[in-house]
Amino acid sequence: MILLELFDKPLKFKKHDHSSDIGGIPVDTYAFTTSNDVKYLTIIYKIEDFRQAGLDISDSGIGIDFRNLNVSSANQEGITKTGNEIEVFATVIAIATEAINKHKPEIIAFGAHESSRQKLYSRMVNILKRKFGYELVEDDIVNFPLGKSKYYVLRKK
């Protein structure tokens, strides 16, 4: 379980002093920089009704997104081959943990843009399930109209 141990070593991150608002959805933003000076922004969207995001679930929750700020805005969520995926995912899990403790969401959602990330995202899902008592929703309601390769939706048991 070496990979899981690596996820326990997040980088230092800083929550922005204010919460932003994107399209009427309140968000918390966190910034961190990897060991090779790549800057990331993690965004936690607080969603009151997931039907707003195209998911047939009326519960409230959070959406998690992270972006590489060192690349063009068109590819901030794509694979950038920085070689820091373990640092990044460990830090995103730490940020998600803080957000889950703050918001106590019934639902957590995030997407993998590329199929090559799905194995790593599945590990992140397993960590969040075990740590917080969520279950993975795997049925037809997980069809977001946002063009992502795969969405992961966790629901509190």
N, C-alpha and C. Protein backbone atom coordinates (compact mmCIF):
# COMPACT_ATOMS: atom_id res chain seq x y z
N MET A 1 0.82 -1.20 0.00
CA MET A 1 0.00 0.00 0.00
C MET A 1 0.86 1.26 0.00
N ILE A 2 1.98 1.22 -0.67
CA ILE A 2 2.87 2.38 -0.72
C ILE A 2 2.16 3.59 -1.31
N LEU A 3 1.33 3.39 -2.36
CA LEU A 3 0.65 4.51 -2.98
C LEU A 3 -0.26 5.23 -1.98
N LEU A 4 -0.98 4.47 -1.16
CA LEU A 4 -1.85 5.10 -0.17
C LEU A 4 -1.03 5.89 0.84
N GLU A 5 0.14 5.39 1.21
CA GLU A 5 1.00 6.13 2.12
C GLU A 5 1.47 7.43 1.47
N LEU A 6 1.73 7.42 0.18
CA LEU A 6 2.14 8.64 -0.50
C LEU A 6 1.05 9.69 -0.48
N PHE A 7 -0.21 9.24 -0.54
CA PHE A 7 -1.33 10.18 -0.48
C PHE A 7 -1.44 10.85 0.88
N ASP A 8 -0.74 10.33 1.89
CA ASP A 8 -0.76 10.92 3.22
C ASP A 8 0.28 12.03 3.39
N LYS A 9 0.94 12.42 2.31
CA LYS A 9 2.00 13.43 2.39
C LYS A 9 1.68 14.62 1.48
N PRO A 10 0.65 15.39 1.84
CA PRO A 10 0.29 16.53 0.99
C PRO A 10 1.31 17.66 1.11
N LEU A 11 1.30 18.50 0.10
CA LEU A 11 2.08 19.72 0.13
C LEU A 11 1.34 20.75 0.98
N LYS A 12 2.04 21.80 1.37
CA LYS A 12 1.37 22.90 2.07
C LYS A 12 0.46 23.61 1.07
N PHE A 13 -0.71 23.97 1.55
CA PHE A 13 -1.64 24.70 0.69
C PHE A 13 -2.22 25.86 1.47
N LYS A 14 -2.75 26.82 0.74
CA LYS A 14 -3.31 28.00 1.38
C LYS A 14 -4.72 28.24 0.85
N LYS A 15 -5.65 28.36 1.79
CA LYS A 15 -7.02 28.72 1.41
C LYS A 15 -7.05 30.22 1.18
N HIS A 16 -7.65 30.62 0.09
CA HIS A 16 -7.76 32.04 -0.16
C HIS A 16 -8.62 32.67 0.94
N ASP A 17 -8.31 33.89 1.28
CA ASP A 17 -8.98 34.54 2.40
C ASP A 17 -10.47 34.77 2.18
N HIS A 18 -10.90 34.69 0.96
CA HIS A 18 -12.30 34.92 0.66
C HIS A 18 -12.85 33.76 -0.16
N SER A 19 -14.14 33.58 -0.07
CA SER A 19 -14.79 32.63 -0.97
C SER A 19 -15.26 33.41 -2.18
N SER A 20 -15.09 32.81 -3.33
CA SER A 20 -15.50 33.45 -4.57
C SER A 20 -16.90 32.98 -4.94
N ASP A 21 -17.37 33.46 -6.04
CA ASP A 21 -18.67 33.05 -6.55
C ASP A 21 -18.52 32.90 -8.06
N ILE A 22 -18.73 31.71 -8.58
CA ILE A 22 -18.63 31.46 -10.01
C ILE A 22 -20.01 31.10 -10.52
N GLY A 23 -20.58 31.96 -11.34
CA GLY A 23 -21.89 31.68 -11.92
C GLY A 23 -22.96 31.48 -10.87
N GLY A 24 -22.88 32.17 -9.74
CA GLY A 24 -23.88 32.04 -8.71
C GLY A 24 -23.65 30.88 -7.76
N ILE A 25 -22.58 30.11 -7.97
CA ILE A 25 -22.28 28.97 -7.11
C ILE A 25 -21.14 29.36 -6.18
N PRO A 26 -21.37 29.35 -4.87
CA PRO A 26 -20.28 29.71 -3.94
C PRO A 26 -19.15 28.69 -3.99
N VAL A 27 -17.92 29.17 -3.90
CA VAL A 27 -16.76 28.30 -3.97
C VAL A 27 -15.71 28.71 -2.94
N ASP A 28 -14.92 27.72 -2.55
CA ASP A 28 -13.71 27.97 -1.77
C ASP A 28 -12.55 27.66 -2.70
N THR A 29 -11.50 28.44 -2.63
CA THR A 29 -10.35 28.20 -3.49
C THR A 29 -9.10 28.02 -2.63
N TYR A 30 -8.26 27.09 -3.06
CA TYR A 30 -7.03 26.75 -2.37
C TYR A 30 -5.90 26.75 -3.39
N ALA A 31 -4.73 27.24 -3.00
CA ALA A 31 -3.58 27.27 -3.89
C ALA A 31 -2.43 26.48 -3.28
N PHE A 32 -1.65 25.82 -4.14
CA PHE A 32 -0.44 25.15 -3.70
C PHE A 32 0.54 25.09 -4.87
N THR A 33 1.80 24.86 -4.53
CA THR A 33 2.87 24.77 -5.53
C THR A 33 3.63 23.48 -5.30
N THR A 34 3.88 22.74 -6.39
CA THR A 34 4.57 21.47 -6.29
C THR A 34 6.07 21.68 -6.09
N SER A 35 6.77 20.59 -5.84
CA SER A 35 8.21 20.66 -5.58
C SER A 35 9.00 21.17 -6.79
N ASN A 36 8.44 21.05 -7.99
CA ASN A 36 9.13 21.61 -9.15
C ASN A 36 8.47 22.90 -9.64
N ASP A 37 7.84 23.61 -8.70
CA ASP A 37 7.33 24.97 -8.90
C ASP A 37 6.14 25.08 -9.86
N VAL A 38 5.31 24.04 -9.92
CA VAL A 38 4.08 24.11 -10.70
C VAL A 38 2.96 24.56 -9.76
N LYS A 39 2.24 25.59 -10.16
CA LYS A 39 1.19 26.16 -9.32
C LYS A 39 -0.17 25.56 -9.68
N TYR A 40 -0.92 25.20 -8.63
CA TYR A 40 -2.25 24.63 -8.80
C TYR A 40 -3.27 25.42 -8.01
N LEU A 41 -4.48 25.39 -8.51
CA LEU A 41 -5.62 25.96 -7.82
C LEU A 41 -6.65 24.85 -7.68
N THR A 42 -7.14 24.62 -6.47
CA THR A 42 -8.21 23.66 -6.24
C THR A 42 -9.46 24.44 -5.88
N ILE A 43 -10.55 24.10 -6.53
CA ILE A 43 -11.80 24.83 -6.35
C ILE A 43 -12.83 23.86 -5.78
N ILE A 44 -13.48 24.28 -4.70
CA ILE A 44 -14.56 23.51 -4.09
C ILE A 44 -15.85 24.27 -4.35
N TYR A 45 -16.71 23.69 -5.15
CA TYR A 45 -18.01 24.30 -5.46
C TYR A 45 -19.03 23.76 -4.49
N LYS A 46 -19.72 24.64 -3.78
CA LYS A 46 -20.81 24.20 -2.91
C LYS A 46 -22.09 24.24 -3.74
N ILE A 47 -22.71 23.08 -3.89
CA ILE A 47 -23.88 22.96 -4.76
C ILE A 47 -25.09 22.59 -3.91
N GLU A 48 -26.10 23.44 -3.94
CA GLU A 48 -27.30 23.23 -3.12
C GLU A 48 -28.20 22.14 -3.69
N ASP A 49 -28.20 22.00 -5.00
CA ASP A 49 -29.07 21.02 -5.65
C ASP A 49 -28.32 20.53 -6.88
N PHE A 50 -27.92 19.27 -6.90
CA PHE A 50 -27.10 18.76 -7.99
C PHE A 50 -27.84 18.72 -9.32
N ARG A 51 -29.16 18.91 -9.30
CA ARG A 51 -29.89 18.99 -10.57
C ARG A 51 -29.42 20.20 -11.37
N GLN A 52 -28.89 21.23 -10.67
CA GLN A 52 -28.33 22.40 -11.36
C GLN A 52 -27.15 21.99 -12.24
N ALA A 53 -26.44 20.95 -11.85
CA ALA A 53 -25.26 20.50 -12.59
C ALA A 53 -25.59 19.34 -13.52
N GLY A 54 -26.86 19.03 -13.69
CA GLY A 54 -27.25 17.98 -14.62
C GLY A 54 -27.33 16.59 -14.02
N LEU A 55 -27.25 16.49 -12.70
CA LEU A 55 -27.31 15.19 -12.03
C LEU A 55 -28.68 15.05 -11.37
N ASP A 56 -29.32 13.92 -11.56
CA ASP A 56 -30.67 13.73 -11.06
C ASP A 56 -30.66 13.36 -9.57
N ILE A 57 -30.06 14.24 -8.76
CA ILE A 57 -30.03 14.08 -7.30
C ILE A 57 -30.32 15.46 -6.70
N SER A 58 -31.28 15.53 -5.79
CA SER A 58 -31.65 16.83 -5.23
C SER A 58 -30.83 17.20 -4.00
N ASP A 59 -29.98 16.29 -3.50
CA ASP A 59 -29.19 16.59 -2.31
C ASP A 59 -28.16 17.68 -2.59
N SER A 60 -27.70 18.30 -1.51
CA SER A 60 -26.64 19.29 -1.64
C SER A 60 -25.28 18.61 -1.49
N GLY A 61 -24.24 19.31 -1.87
CA GLY A 61 -22.91 18.73 -1.75
C GLY A 61 -21.84 19.66 -2.29
N ILE A 62 -20.72 19.05 -2.67
CA ILE A 62 -19.62 19.83 -3.21
C ILE A 62 -19.10 19.19 -4.49
N GLY A 63 -18.58 20.03 -5.35
CA GLY A 63 -17.86 19.58 -6.53
C GLY A 63 -16.40 19.98 -6.33
N ILE A 64 -15.49 19.14 -6.78
CA ILE A 64 -14.06 19.39 -6.62
C ILE A 64 -13.42 19.50 -8.00
N ASP A 65 -12.64 20.55 -8.19
CA ASP A 65 -11.94 20.75 -9.45
C ASP A 65 -10.54 21.26 -9.12
N PHE A 66 -9.56 20.89 -9.91
CA PHE A 66 -8.23 21.47 -9.71
C PHE A 66 -7.60 21.77 -11.05
N ARG A 67 -6.77 22.83 -11.06
CA ARG A 67 -6.21 23.34 -12.29
C ARG A 67 -4.73 23.65 -12.16
N ASN A 68 -3.99 23.32 -13.19
CA ASN A 68 -2.57 23.65 -13.28
C ASN A 68 -2.50 25.07 -13.85
N LEU A 69 -1.99 26.00 -13.07
CA LEU A 69 -1.95 27.40 -13.49
C LEU A 69 -0.73 27.73 -14.34
N ASN A 70 0.18 26.79 -14.53
CA ASN A 70 1.39 27.03 -15.32
C ASN A 70 1.19 26.79 -16.81
N VAL A 71 0.01 26.34 -17.20
CA VAL A 71 -0.25 26.05 -18.61
C VAL A 71 -1.34 26.98 -19.13
N SER A 72 -1.58 26.95 -20.42
CA SER A 72 -2.61 27.80 -21.01
C SER A 72 -3.97 27.47 -20.40
N SER A 73 -4.82 28.46 -20.38
CA SER A 73 -6.13 28.27 -19.76
C SER A 73 -6.93 27.16 -20.44
N ALA A 74 -6.65 26.88 -21.70
CA ALA A 74 -7.37 25.83 -22.41
C ALA A 74 -7.01 24.44 -21.90
N ASN A 75 -5.86 24.27 -21.26
CA ASN A 75 -5.41 22.94 -20.83
C ASN A 75 -5.18 22.85 -19.32
N GLN A 76 -5.72 23.75 -18.51
CA GLN A 76 -5.45 23.75 -17.07
C GLN A 76 -5.95 22.51 -16.37
N GLU A 77 -6.95 21.85 -16.91
CA GLU A 77 -7.50 20.66 -16.28
C GLU A 77 -7.02 19.38 -16.96
N GLY A 78 -6.22 19.50 -17.99
CA GLY A 78 -5.75 18.34 -18.74
C GLY A 78 -4.45 17.79 -18.19
N ILE A 79 -3.99 16.72 -18.81
CA ILE A 79 -2.71 16.13 -18.42
C ILE A 79 -1.59 17.04 -18.92
N THR A 80 -0.70 17.43 -18.01
CA THR A 80 0.35 18.38 -18.36
C THR A 80 1.74 17.78 -18.24
N LYS A 81 1.82 16.52 -17.84
CA LYS A 81 3.09 15.79 -17.76
C LYS A 81 4.14 16.51 -16.92
N THR A 82 3.70 17.02 -15.76
CA THR A 82 4.65 17.67 -14.85
C THR A 82 5.37 16.65 -13.98
N GLY A 83 4.86 15.42 -13.93
CA GLY A 83 5.50 14.38 -13.14
C GLY A 83 5.22 14.47 -11.65
N ASN A 84 4.22 15.22 -11.26
CA ASN A 84 3.93 15.44 -9.85
C ASN A 84 2.55 14.92 -9.45
N GLU A 85 2.05 13.89 -10.11
CA GLU A 85 0.68 13.48 -9.85
C GLU A 85 0.45 13.02 -8.41
N ILE A 86 1.42 12.38 -7.78
CA ILE A 86 1.23 11.93 -6.40
C ILE A 86 1.16 13.13 -5.45
N GLU A 87 2.07 14.09 -5.62
CA GLU A 87 2.02 15.32 -4.80
C GLU A 87 0.70 16.03 -4.99
N VAL A 88 0.27 16.14 -6.24
CA VAL A 88 -0.97 16.86 -6.54
C VAL A 88 -2.16 16.15 -5.92
N PHE A 89 -2.28 14.85 -6.13
CA PHE A 89 -3.43 14.12 -5.60
C PHE A 89 -3.42 14.07 -4.07
N ALA A 90 -2.26 13.93 -3.47
CA ALA A 90 -2.18 13.95 -2.00
C ALA A 90 -2.68 15.29 -1.46
N THR A 91 -2.32 16.35 -2.14
CA THR A 91 -2.73 17.69 -1.70
C THR A 91 -4.21 17.91 -1.96
N VAL A 92 -4.70 17.47 -3.10
CA VAL A 92 -6.14 17.60 -3.39
C VAL A 92 -6.95 16.80 -2.38
N ILE A 93 -6.49 15.63 -1.98
CA ILE A 93 -7.20 14.84 -0.95
C ILE A 93 -7.20 15.60 0.38
N ALA A 94 -6.09 16.22 0.73
CA ALA A 94 -6.05 17.00 1.98
C ALA A 94 -7.01 18.18 1.91
N ILE A 95 -7.07 18.84 0.76
CA ILE A 95 -8.00 19.95 0.58
C ILE A 95 -9.44 19.44 0.62
N ALA A 96 -9.71 18.33 -0.04
CA ALA A 96 -11.05 17.74 -0.01
C ALA A 96 -11.45 17.39 1.42
N THR A 97 -10.50 16.87 2.19
CA THR A 97 -10.77 16.54 3.59
C THR A 97 -11.19 17.78 4.36
N GLU A 98 -10.47 18.87 4.17
CA GLU A 98 -10.84 20.12 4.84
C GLU A 98 -12.23 20.58 4.41
N ALA A 99 -12.51 20.50 3.11
CA ALA A 99 -13.81 20.93 2.60
C ALA A 99 -14.94 20.03 3.11
N ILE A 100 -14.70 18.73 3.16
CA ILE A 100 -15.72 17.80 3.66
C ILE A 100 -16.01 18.09 5.13
N ASN A 101 -14.97 18.31 5.91
CA ASN A 101 -15.17 18.64 7.32
C ASN A 101 -15.91 19.96 7.49
N LYS A 102 -15.68 20.91 6.61
CA LYS A 102 -16.34 22.21 6.69
C LYS A 102 -17.80 22.14 6.24
N HIS A 103 -18.05 21.54 5.08
CA HIS A 103 -19.38 21.60 4.46
C HIS A 103 -20.29 20.42 4.81
N LYS A 104 -19.72 19.31 5.29
CA LYS A 104 -20.49 18.10 5.61
C LYS A 104 -21.43 17.72 4.45
N PRO A 105 -20.89 17.54 3.24
CA PRO A 105 -21.76 17.31 2.07
C PRO A 105 -22.37 15.91 2.04
N GLU A 106 -23.57 15.84 1.51
CA GLU A 106 -24.22 14.55 1.25
C GLU A 106 -23.64 13.93 -0.02
N ILE A 107 -23.23 14.79 -0.96
CA ILE A 107 -22.73 14.35 -2.26
C ILE A 107 -21.40 15.03 -2.53
N ILE A 108 -20.46 14.28 -3.12
CA ILE A 108 -19.19 14.82 -3.60
C ILE A 108 -19.06 14.39 -5.05
N ALA A 109 -18.70 15.33 -5.93
CA ALA A 109 -18.55 14.99 -7.35
C ALA A 109 -17.27 15.60 -7.89
N PHE A 110 -16.61 14.84 -8.77
CA PHE A 110 -15.45 15.37 -9.50
C PHE A 110 -15.28 14.54 -10.75
N GLY A 111 -14.60 15.10 -11.73
CA GLY A 111 -14.47 14.43 -13.01
C GLY A 111 -13.04 14.20 -13.43
N ALA A 112 -12.85 13.12 -14.19
CA ALA A 112 -11.56 12.82 -14.81
C ALA A 112 -11.69 13.15 -16.28
N HIS A 113 -10.85 14.05 -16.74
CA HIS A 113 -10.95 14.46 -18.14
C HIS A 113 -10.35 13.44 -19.09
N GLU A 114 -9.34 12.72 -18.64
CA GLU A 114 -8.68 11.75 -19.49
C GLU A 114 -8.82 10.36 -18.88
N SER A 115 -8.99 9.37 -19.73
CA SER A 115 -9.16 8.01 -19.23
C SER A 115 -7.92 7.52 -18.50
N SER A 116 -6.75 8.06 -18.82
CA SER A 116 -5.53 7.62 -18.15
C SER A 116 -5.50 8.02 -16.67
N ARG A 117 -6.32 8.98 -16.29
CA ARG A 117 -6.37 9.39 -14.88
C ARG A 117 -7.35 8.57 -14.06
N GLN A 118 -8.17 7.79 -14.70
CA GLN A 118 -9.25 7.13 -13.97
C GLN A 118 -8.76 6.18 -12.90
N LYS A 119 -7.62 5.52 -13.10
CA LYS A 119 -7.09 4.62 -12.08
C LYS A 119 -6.70 5.40 -10.82
N LEU A 120 -6.05 6.54 -11.01
CA LEU A 120 -5.66 7.38 -9.88
C LEU A 120 -6.89 7.96 -9.19
N TYR A 121 -7.88 8.40 -9.97
CA TYR A 121 -9.12 8.92 -9.39
C TYR A 121 -9.85 7.84 -8.62
N SER A 122 -9.82 6.60 -9.12
CA SER A 122 -10.47 5.50 -8.40
C SER A 122 -9.83 5.31 -7.02
N ARG A 123 -8.52 5.48 -6.96
CA ARG A 123 -7.85 5.38 -5.65
C ARG A 123 -8.28 6.51 -4.74
N MET A 124 -8.44 7.70 -5.30
CA MET A 124 -8.90 8.83 -4.50
C MET A 124 -10.32 8.57 -3.98
N VAL A 125 -11.17 7.99 -4.83
CA VAL A 125 -12.52 7.62 -4.42
C VAL A 125 -12.46 6.67 -3.24
N ASN A 126 -11.62 5.65 -3.33
CA ASN A 126 -11.53 4.66 -2.25
C ASN A 126 -11.06 5.29 -0.94
N ILE A 127 -10.16 6.24 -1.02
CA ILE A 127 -9.70 6.93 0.20
C ILE A 127 -10.84 7.72 0.81
N LEU A 128 -11.58 8.48 0.01
CA LEU A 128 -12.69 9.28 0.53
C LEU A 128 -13.82 8.40 1.05
N LYS A 129 -14.08 7.28 0.38
CA LYS A 129 -15.11 6.35 0.87
C LYS A 129 -14.74 5.82 2.25
N ARG A 130 -13.53 5.36 2.37
CA ARG A 130 -13.09 4.75 3.62
C ARG A 130 -13.00 5.80 4.74
N LYS A 131 -12.49 6.95 4.43
CA LYS A 131 -12.25 7.97 5.45
C LYS A 131 -13.53 8.64 5.95
N PHE A 132 -14.53 8.78 5.06
CA PHE A 132 -15.71 9.56 5.42
C PHE A 132 -17.04 8.81 5.33
N GLY A 133 -17.02 7.55 4.93
CA GLY A 133 -18.26 6.78 4.87
C GLY A 133 -19.15 7.13 3.69
N TYR A 134 -18.57 7.34 2.54
CA TYR A 134 -19.35 7.58 1.32
C TYR A 134 -19.41 6.29 0.52
N GLU A 135 -20.35 6.25 -0.43
CA GLU A 135 -20.42 5.14 -1.38
C GLU A 135 -20.43 5.74 -2.78
N LEU A 136 -19.86 5.01 -3.72
CA LEU A 136 -19.81 5.46 -5.10
C LEU A 136 -21.15 5.23 -5.77
N VAL A 137 -21.69 6.26 -6.40
CA VAL A 137 -22.93 6.15 -7.16
C VAL A 137 -22.55 5.72 -8.57
N GLU A 138 -23.03 4.55 -8.98
CA GLU A 138 -22.66 4.04 -10.31
C GLU A 138 -23.91 3.63 -11.08
N ASP A 139 -24.65 4.62 -11.52
CA ASP A 139 -25.80 4.28 -12.35
C ASP A 139 -26.03 5.39 -13.38
N ASP A 140 -27.13 5.35 -14.05
CA ASP A 140 -27.38 6.25 -15.17
C ASP A 140 -27.52 7.71 -14.77
N ILE A 141 -27.69 8.01 -13.48
CA ILE A 141 -27.82 9.41 -13.11
C ILE A 141 -26.50 10.15 -13.19
N VAL A 142 -25.40 9.42 -13.34
CA VAL A 142 -24.09 10.06 -13.39
C VAL A 142 -23.72 10.35 -14.85
N ASN A 143 -24.56 11.10 -15.51
CA ASN A 143 -24.29 11.50 -16.89
C ASN A 143 -24.33 13.02 -16.98
N PHE A 144 -23.25 13.64 -16.53
CA PHE A 144 -23.16 15.08 -16.59
C PHE A 144 -23.05 15.53 -18.04
N PRO A 145 -23.69 16.63 -18.38
CA PRO A 145 -23.61 17.13 -19.75
C PRO A 145 -22.40 18.06 -19.95
N LEU A 146 -21.28 17.76 -19.31
CA LEU A 146 -20.14 18.68 -19.35
C LEU A 146 -18.99 18.17 -20.20
N GLY A 147 -19.15 17.07 -20.91
CA GLY A 147 -18.13 16.57 -21.80
C GLY A 147 -16.93 15.95 -21.11
N LYS A 148 -17.04 15.56 -19.88
CA LYS A 148 -15.93 14.92 -19.16
C LYS A 148 -15.86 13.46 -19.55
N SER A 149 -14.68 12.87 -19.42
CA SER A 149 -14.54 11.46 -19.72
C SER A 149 -15.32 10.60 -18.74
N LYS A 150 -15.21 10.92 -17.46
CA LYS A 150 -15.90 10.14 -16.43
C LYS A 150 -16.11 11.02 -15.21
N TYR A 151 -17.29 10.91 -14.63
CA TYR A 151 -17.57 11.61 -13.38
C TYR A 151 -17.67 10.61 -12.26
N TYR A 152 -17.17 11.01 -11.10
CA TYR A 152 -17.25 10.22 -9.89
C TYR A 152 -18.18 10.96 -8.94
N VAL A 153 -19.19 10.27 -8.47
CA VAL A 153 -20.14 10.86 -7.53
C VAL A 153 -20.19 9.96 -6.31
N LEU A 154 -19.93 10.54 -5.16
CA LEU A 154 -19.99 9.83 -3.89
C LEU A 154 -21.18 10.35 -3.10
N ARG A 155 -21.88 9.46 -2.46
CA ARG A 155 -23.04 9.81 -1.63
C ARG A 155 -22.80 9.31 -0.24
N LYS A 156 -23.15 10.12 0.78
CA LYS A 156 -23.01 9.71 2.16
C LYS A 156 -23.91 8.52 2.42
N LYS A 157 -23.34 7.49 3.08
CA LYS A 157 -24.13 6.28 3.40
C LYS A 157 -25.16 6.59 4.45
